[in-house]
Amino acid sequence: MSRSSAECSGPRGWEPAGRGQVEPLAALAAVFAVTAALGLYTGALQAALPEPTGADLAPTALDAVAEAVSDRTGVVDPTRLSAAPGAGPEGRRLNATLTAADRRWCAGPPIPDAASDRAARRIAVDTAVSRTTVGRLRVVVW
């Protein structure tokens, strides 16, 4: 029984090499369109989210201050505490206080009586050459 070439080919008009391919320019345009749409969506979502209130600022400011005054191992150097007020949120005032080994370091303006947005954490403090002790870093934002 012999088979003709018509029996071995696929359905009429079927070409295996050309199926499922897209021109490179069309594919790049589609990727660009999806990326642009995602960018617009995230921008609109960011604008729709509420700004943090005063009660939400202190924990975030505490993280920023701890990062600004500590070395790469996470140990705070009291001499770097003067950088703390600059790590606070824009348009707000910040006071940072570090206590360790019966010593106290402060940076920033005096804390007003009405300031209630506070956050604190225990942190390693470099109190002398090759001597680290546990201290407390406190941040007040108003």
Protein backbone atom coordinates (compact mmCIF):
# COMPACT_ATOMS: atom_id res chain seq x y z
CA MET A 1 0.00 0.00 0.00
CA SER A 2 1.53 3.21 -1.05
CA ARG A 3 0.87 6.56 0.52
CA SER A 4 0.71 9.70 -1.45
CA SER A 5 2.31 12.89 -0.28
CA ALA A 6 -1.15 14.39 0.25
CA GLU A 7 -1.93 11.80 2.94
CA CYS A 8 1.21 12.61 4.97
CA SER A 9 0.81 16.35 5.08
CA GLY A 10 -1.27 18.16 7.68
CA PRO A 11 -4.54 19.96 7.13
CA ARG A 12 -4.83 22.20 4.15
CA GLY A 13 -2.88 25.45 4.70
CA TRP A 14 -0.95 24.10 7.70
CA GLU A 15 2.73 25.03 7.77
CA PRO A 16 4.66 23.76 10.81
CA ALA A 17 7.55 26.24 10.54
CA GLY A 18 5.40 29.39 10.49
CA ARG A 19 2.92 28.67 13.24
CA GLY A 20 2.98 30.55 16.57
CA GLN A 21 5.65 33.03 15.66
CA VAL A 22 5.42 36.78 16.13
CA GLU A 23 7.43 39.47 14.45
CA PRO A 24 10.13 40.82 16.81
CA LEU A 25 8.94 44.41 16.47
CA ALA A 26 5.38 43.46 17.40
CA ALA A 27 6.62 41.52 20.43
CA LEU A 28 8.71 44.48 21.61
CA ALA A 29 5.74 46.80 21.17
CA ALA A 30 3.57 44.47 23.27
CA VAL A 31 6.18 44.30 26.05
CA PHE A 32 6.45 48.11 26.01
CA ALA A 33 2.67 48.49 26.22
CA VAL A 34 2.40 46.12 29.19
CA THR A 35 5.31 47.82 30.99
CA ALA A 36 3.81 51.28 30.43
CA ALA A 37 0.42 50.11 31.68
CA LEU A 38 1.97 48.64 34.86
CA GLY A 39 3.89 51.87 35.46
CA LEU A 40 0.74 53.95 35.13
CA TYR A 41 -1.17 51.60 37.41
CA THR A 42 1.46 51.70 40.18
CA GLY A 43 1.67 55.49 39.91
CA ALA A 44 -2.09 55.82 40.28
CA LEU A 45 -2.08 53.37 43.19
CA GLN A 46 0.70 55.32 44.94
CA ALA A 47 -1.24 58.56 44.54
CA ALA A 48 -4.40 56.95 45.91
CA LEU A 49 -2.79 55.66 49.12
CA PRO A 50 -3.16 57.94 52.13
CA GLU A 51 -0.15 59.76 53.53
CA PRO A 52 1.10 58.39 56.85
CA THR A 53 -0.39 60.11 59.85
CA GLY A 54 1.62 61.44 62.76
CA ALA A 55 1.19 58.17 64.66
CA ASP A 56 2.84 56.25 61.80
CA LEU A 57 5.91 58.46 61.43
CA ALA A 58 7.93 57.60 64.57
CA PRO A 59 8.54 53.86 63.86
CA THR A 60 9.61 54.65 60.31
CA ALA A 61 11.81 57.52 61.50
CA LEU A 62 13.35 55.23 64.14
CA ASP A 63 14.37 52.75 61.44
CA ALA A 64 15.88 55.55 59.34
CA VAL A 65 17.77 57.03 62.30
CA ALA A 66 19.10 53.63 63.39
CA GLU A 67 20.40 53.05 59.87
CA ALA A 68 21.94 56.53 59.68
CA VAL A 69 23.85 56.30 62.97
CA SER A 70 24.97 52.67 62.91
CA ASP A 71 27.76 50.96 61.06
CA ARG A 72 27.26 48.05 58.66
CA THR A 73 27.11 45.57 61.57
CA GLY A 74 24.24 47.44 63.24
CA VAL A 75 26.26 48.88 66.15
CA VAL A 76 25.46 52.53 66.88
CA ASP A 77 28.31 55.00 67.13
CA PRO A 78 27.25 57.86 69.47
CA THR A 79 29.45 60.33 67.58
CA ARG A 80 27.26 59.80 64.49
CA LEU A 81 24.06 60.75 66.35
CA SER A 82 24.27 64.30 64.96
CA ALA A 83 23.08 62.83 61.62
CA ALA A 84 19.80 61.70 63.21
CA PRO A 85 17.66 64.84 62.65
CA GLY A 86 18.41 64.71 58.92
CA ALA A 87 17.01 61.18 58.71
CA GLY A 88 13.56 62.30 59.85
CA PRO A 89 10.48 62.77 57.67
CA GLU A 90 10.28 65.84 55.46
CA GLY A 91 8.48 68.79 56.99
CA ARG A 92 8.71 67.36 60.52
CA ARG A 93 11.10 67.92 63.41
CA LEU A 94 12.92 65.06 65.06
CA ASN A 95 14.80 64.50 68.31
CA ALA A 96 16.90 61.38 68.85
CA THR A 97 18.15 60.26 72.25
CA LEU A 98 20.62 57.44 72.82
CA THR A 99 21.25 56.04 76.31
CA ALA A 100 23.80 53.39 77.22
CA ALA A 101 26.11 52.60 80.14
CA ASP A 102 24.78 55.47 82.29
CA ARG A 103 25.48 57.95 79.48
CA ARG A 104 23.09 59.93 77.33
CA TRP A 105 23.49 61.54 73.91
CA CYS A 106 20.87 63.77 72.25
CA ALA A 107 20.49 65.27 68.80
CA GLY A 108 17.83 67.58 67.48
CA PRO A 109 15.68 70.39 68.89
CA PRO A 110 14.17 70.20 72.37
CA ILE A 111 11.04 68.05 72.60
CA PRO A 112 7.82 70.06 73.10
CA ASP A 113 5.31 68.94 75.70
CA ALA A 114 2.66 68.26 73.03
CA ALA A 115 4.85 65.79 71.07
CA SER A 116 3.30 62.34 71.36
CA ASP A 117 4.66 60.46 68.35
CA ARG A 118 7.45 58.41 69.92
CA ALA A 119 9.24 55.16 69.20
CA ALA A 120 12.16 53.38 70.90
CA ARG A 121 14.18 50.21 70.57
CA ARG A 122 17.07 48.39 72.19
CA ILE A 123 20.23 48.61 70.15
CA ALA A 124 23.93 47.81 70.39
CA VAL A 125 26.04 50.88 71.23
CA ASP A 126 29.78 51.32 70.81
CA THR A 127 30.70 52.94 74.17
CA ALA A 128 34.48 52.57 74.00
CA VAL A 129 37.16 51.10 71.76
CA SER A 130 36.24 47.44 71.25
CA ARG A 131 33.46 47.69 73.85
CA THR A 132 29.81 47.34 72.90
CA THR A 133 26.90 47.51 75.31
CA VAL A 134 23.12 47.39 74.99
CA GLY A 135 21.46 50.77 74.87
CA ARG A 136 18.17 52.39 73.93
CA LEU A 137 17.52 54.62 70.94
CA ARG A 138 14.44 56.84 71.25
CA VAL A 139 12.97 59.05 68.52
CA VAL A 140 10.31 61.73 68.92
CA VAL A 141 8.69 63.23 65.80
CA TRP A 142 6.44 66.30 65.74
